[in-house]
Amino acid sequence: QVQVVESGGGLVQPGGSLRLSCAASGSIFSIVAMGWNRQAPGKQRAFVATITNVGSTNYADSVKGRFTISRDNATVYLQMNSLKPEDTAVYYCNAQTRGYFYWGQGTQVTVSS
């Protein structure tokens, strides 16, 4: 079992920055990758970014060049720059093992003036 807990959400103005954190605990030796998805109001949950144990990263086209995912052992970060109103969503962290995704409870990010 793996548990993940997100932190760092909040309200930010358009063009601003925010950093999300996600700490994994439990059977962290089984984690092969960690990542972030988000769910905007009225929309399905969507992929944002992922990072593997060897540091390979992948991003959704909508956040490339603005968001950066990084990892320090069992903690993953999402640095979000040049935020837009359309980035408003609940951001969910996940820890991926071979065959299963563990999800956090989510943290709200609101981009508004």
C-alpha atoms as a PDB file:
ATOM      1  CA  GLN A   1       0.000   0.000   0.000  1.00  0.00           C
ATOM      2  CA  VAL A   2       1.109   3.526  -0.800  1.00  0.00           C
ATOM      3  CA  GLN A   3      -0.371   6.734   0.564  1.00  0.00           C
ATOM      4  CA  VAL A   4       0.037  10.125  -1.100  1.00  0.00           C
ATOM      5  CA  VAL A   5      -0.750  13.547   0.346  1.00  0.00           C
ATOM      6  CA  GLU A   6      -0.759  16.757  -1.675  1.00  0.00           C
ATOM      7  CA  SER A   7      -0.139  20.291  -0.453  1.00  0.00           C
ATOM      8  CA  GLY A   8       0.489  23.753  -1.848  1.00  0.00           C
ATOM      9  CA  GLY A   9      -2.710  24.678  -3.627  1.00  0.00           C
ATOM     10  CA  GLY A  10      -4.349  28.080  -3.378  1.00  0.00           C
ATOM     11  CA  LEU A  11      -5.483  31.213  -5.149  1.00  0.00           C
ATOM     12  CA  VAL A  12      -3.107  32.954  -7.561  1.00  0.00           C
ATOM     13  CA  GLN A  13      -3.475  35.711 -10.125  1.00  0.00           C
ATOM     14  CA  PRO A  14      -3.058  35.029 -13.857  1.00  0.00           C
ATOM     15  CA  GLY A  15       0.620  35.007 -14.752  1.00  0.00           C
ATOM     16  CA  GLY A  16       1.584  33.975 -11.248  1.00  0.00           C
ATOM     17  CA  SER A  17       3.344  30.883  -9.934  1.00  0.00           C
ATOM     18  CA  LEU A  18       2.559  28.129  -7.486  1.00  0.00           C
ATOM     19  CA  ARG A  19       4.361  24.982  -6.363  1.00  0.00           C
ATOM     20  CA  LEU A  20       2.536  21.821  -5.414  1.00  0.00           C
ATOM     21  CA  SER A  21       4.093  19.079  -3.304  1.00  0.00           C
ATOM     22  CA  CYS A  22       3.134  15.453  -2.882  1.00  0.00           C
ATOM     23  CA  ALA A  23       4.601  13.118  -0.298  1.00  0.00           C
ATOM     24  CA  ALA A  24       4.306   9.365  -0.655  1.00  0.00           C
ATOM     25  CA  SER A  25       4.551   6.948   2.265  1.00  0.00           C
ATOM     26  CA  GLY A  26       4.107   3.260   2.899  1.00  0.00           C
ATOM     27  CA  SER A  27       5.571   0.815   0.371  1.00  0.00           C
ATOM     28  CA  ILE A  28       7.510   3.491  -1.491  1.00  0.00           C
ATOM     29  CA  PHE A  29      10.024   0.914  -2.756  1.00  0.00           C
ATOM     30  CA  SER A  30       7.294  -0.310  -5.134  1.00  0.00           C
ATOM     31  CA  ILE A  31       6.793   3.079  -6.811  1.00  0.00           C
ATOM     32  CA  VAL A  32       7.981   3.256 -10.428  1.00  0.00           C
ATOM     33  CA  ALA A  33       6.714   6.740 -11.239  1.00  0.00           C
ATOM     34  CA  MET A  34       4.809   9.667  -9.746  1.00  0.00           C
ATOM     35  CA  GLY A  35       2.682  12.258 -11.419  1.00  0.00           C
ATOM     36  CA  TRP A  36      -0.091  14.807 -11.438  1.00  0.00           C
ATOM     37  CA  ASN A  37      -3.528  14.920 -13.004  1.00  0.00           C
ATOM     38  CA  ARG A  38      -6.149  17.627 -12.686  1.00  0.00           C
ATOM     39  CA  GLN A  39      -9.900  17.945 -12.874  1.00  0.00           C
ATOM     40  CA  ALA A  40     -11.515  21.217 -13.841  1.00  0.00           C
ATOM     41  CA  PRO A  41     -15.163  21.939 -13.009  1.00  0.00           C
ATOM     42  CA  GLY A  42     -17.462  19.985 -15.290  1.00  0.00           C
ATOM     43  CA  LYS A  43     -14.596  18.118 -16.962  1.00  0.00           C
ATOM     44  CA  GLN A  44     -12.980  14.725 -16.661  1.00  0.00           C
ATOM     45  CA  ARG A  45      -9.701  14.220 -14.854  1.00  0.00           C
ATOM     46  CA  ALA A  46      -6.808  14.869 -17.229  1.00  0.00           C
ATOM     47  CA  PHE A  47      -3.120  14.059 -17.322  1.00  0.00           C
ATOM     48  CA  VAL A  48      -0.700  16.859 -16.426  1.00  0.00           C
ATOM     49  CA  ALA A  49       2.775  15.431 -15.907  1.00  0.00           C
ATOM     50  CA  THR A  50       4.680  12.379 -14.775  1.00  0.00           C
ATOM     51  CA  ILE A  51       8.229  11.525 -13.722  1.00  0.00           C
ATOM     52  CA  THR A  52       9.778   8.064 -13.529  1.00  0.00           C
ATOM     53  CA  ASN A  53      12.281   6.645 -11.070  1.00  0.00           C
ATOM     54  CA  VAL A  54      15.090   7.408 -13.519  1.00  0.00           C
ATOM     55  CA  GLY A  55      13.948  10.981 -14.013  1.00  0.00           C
ATOM     56  CA  SER A  56      12.182  10.740 -17.348  1.00  0.00           C
ATOM     57  CA  THR A  57       9.398  13.291 -17.607  1.00  0.00           C
ATOM     58  CA  ASN A  58       6.311  13.704 -19.728  1.00  0.00           C
ATOM     59  CA  TYR A  59       3.903  16.651 -19.920  1.00  0.00           C
ATOM     60  CA  ALA A  60       0.514  17.440 -21.357  1.00  0.00           C
ATOM     61  CA  ASP A  61       0.779  19.804 -24.320  1.00  0.00           C
ATOM     62  CA  SER A  62      -1.260  22.405 -22.457  1.00  0.00           C
ATOM     63  CA  VAL A  63       1.391  22.810 -19.729  1.00  0.00           C
ATOM     64  CA  LYS A  64       4.660  22.278 -21.637  1.00  0.00           C
ATOM     65  CA  GLY A  65       7.056  25.138 -21.078  1.00  0.00           C
ATOM     66  CA  ARG A  66       5.099  26.408 -18.058  1.00  0.00           C
ATOM     67  CA  PHE A  67       5.028  23.505 -15.597  1.00  0.00           C
ATOM     68  CA  THR A  68       7.998  21.530 -14.300  1.00  0.00           C
ATOM     69  CA  ILE A  69       7.772  18.231 -12.454  1.00  0.00           C
ATOM     70  CA  SER A  70      10.594  17.131 -10.186  1.00  0.00           C
ATOM     71  CA  ARG A  71      11.155  14.478  -7.582  1.00  0.00           C
ATOM     72  CA  ASP A  72      13.181  14.014  -4.411  1.00  0.00           C
ATOM     73  CA  ASN A  73      12.949  10.422  -3.201  1.00  0.00           C
ATOM     74  CA  ALA A  74       9.302   9.904  -2.279  1.00  0.00           C
ATOM     75  CA  THR A  75       8.223  13.516  -2.766  1.00  0.00           C
ATOM     76  CA  VAL A  76       7.189  14.945  -6.114  1.00  0.00           C
ATOM     77  CA  TYR A  77       6.796  18.624  -6.928  1.00  0.00           C
ATOM     78  CA  LEU A  78       4.940  20.512  -9.619  1.00  0.00           C
ATOM     79  CA  GLN A  79       6.257  24.006 -10.261  1.00  0.00           C
ATOM     80  CA  MET A  80       3.598  25.950 -12.130  1.00  0.00           C
ATOM     81  CA  ASN A  81       4.539  29.229 -13.806  1.00  0.00           C
ATOM     82  CA  SER A  82       2.650  31.609 -16.089  1.00  0.00           C
ATOM     83  CA  LEU A  83      -0.621  30.316 -14.710  1.00  0.00           C
ATOM     84  CA  LYS A  84      -3.807  30.857 -16.700  1.00  0.00           C
ATOM     85  CA  PRO A  85      -7.449  30.828 -15.602  1.00  0.00           C
ATOM     86  CA  GLU A  86      -7.868  27.573 -17.507  1.00  0.00           C
ATOM     87  CA  ASP A  87      -5.372  25.947 -15.132  1.00  0.00           C
ATOM     88  CA  THR A  88      -8.004  26.218 -12.404  1.00  0.00           C
ATOM     89  CA  ALA A  89      -8.716  22.699 -11.185  1.00  0.00           C
ATOM     90  CA  VAL A  90      -8.305  20.223  -8.391  1.00  0.00           C
ATOM     91  CA  TYR A  91      -4.833  18.749  -8.773  1.00  0.00           C
ATOM     92  CA  TYR A  92      -4.362  15.106  -7.851  1.00  0.00           C
ATOM     93  CA  CYS A  93      -1.036  13.437  -7.196  1.00  0.00           C
ATOM     94  CA  ASN A  94      -0.511   9.781  -8.015  1.00  0.00           C
ATOM     95  CA  ALA A  95       2.079   7.166  -7.222  1.00  0.00           C
ATOM     96  CA  GLN A  96       2.377   4.408  -9.776  1.00  0.00           C
ATOM     97  CA  THR A  97       3.394   0.859  -8.981  1.00  0.00           C
ATOM     98  CA  ARG A  98       3.457  -2.078 -11.371  1.00  0.00           C
ATOM     99  CA  GLY A  99      -0.219  -2.327 -12.170  1.00  0.00           C
ATOM    100  CA  TYR A 100      -1.803   0.174  -9.782  1.00  0.00           C
ATOM    101  CA  PHE A 101      -2.198   3.895  -9.264  1.00  0.00           C
ATOM    102  CA  TYR A 102      -2.510   5.369  -5.776  1.00  0.00           C
ATOM    103  CA  TRP A 103      -4.219   8.758  -5.610  1.00  0.00           C
ATOM    104  CA  GLY A 104      -4.238  11.602  -3.143  1.00  0.00           C
ATOM    105  CA  GLN A 105      -7.278  13.599  -2.067  1.00  0.00           C
ATOM    106  CA  GLY A 106      -6.433  16.536  -4.302  1.00  0.00           C
ATOM    107  CA  THR A 107      -5.569  20.178  -3.771  1.00  0.00           C
ATOM    108  CA  GLN A 108      -7.471  23.119  -5.248  1.00  0.00           C
ATOM    109  CA  VAL A 109      -5.684  25.565  -7.538  1.00  0.00           C
ATOM    110  CA  THR A 110      -7.617  28.667  -8.545  1.00  0.00           C
ATOM    111  CA  VAL A 111      -6.230  31.161 -11.046  1.00  0.00           C
ATOM    112  CA  SER A 112      -8.242  34.356 -10.945  1.00  0.00           C
ATOM    113  CA  SER A 113      -7.831  38.103 -10.673  1.00  0.00           C
END
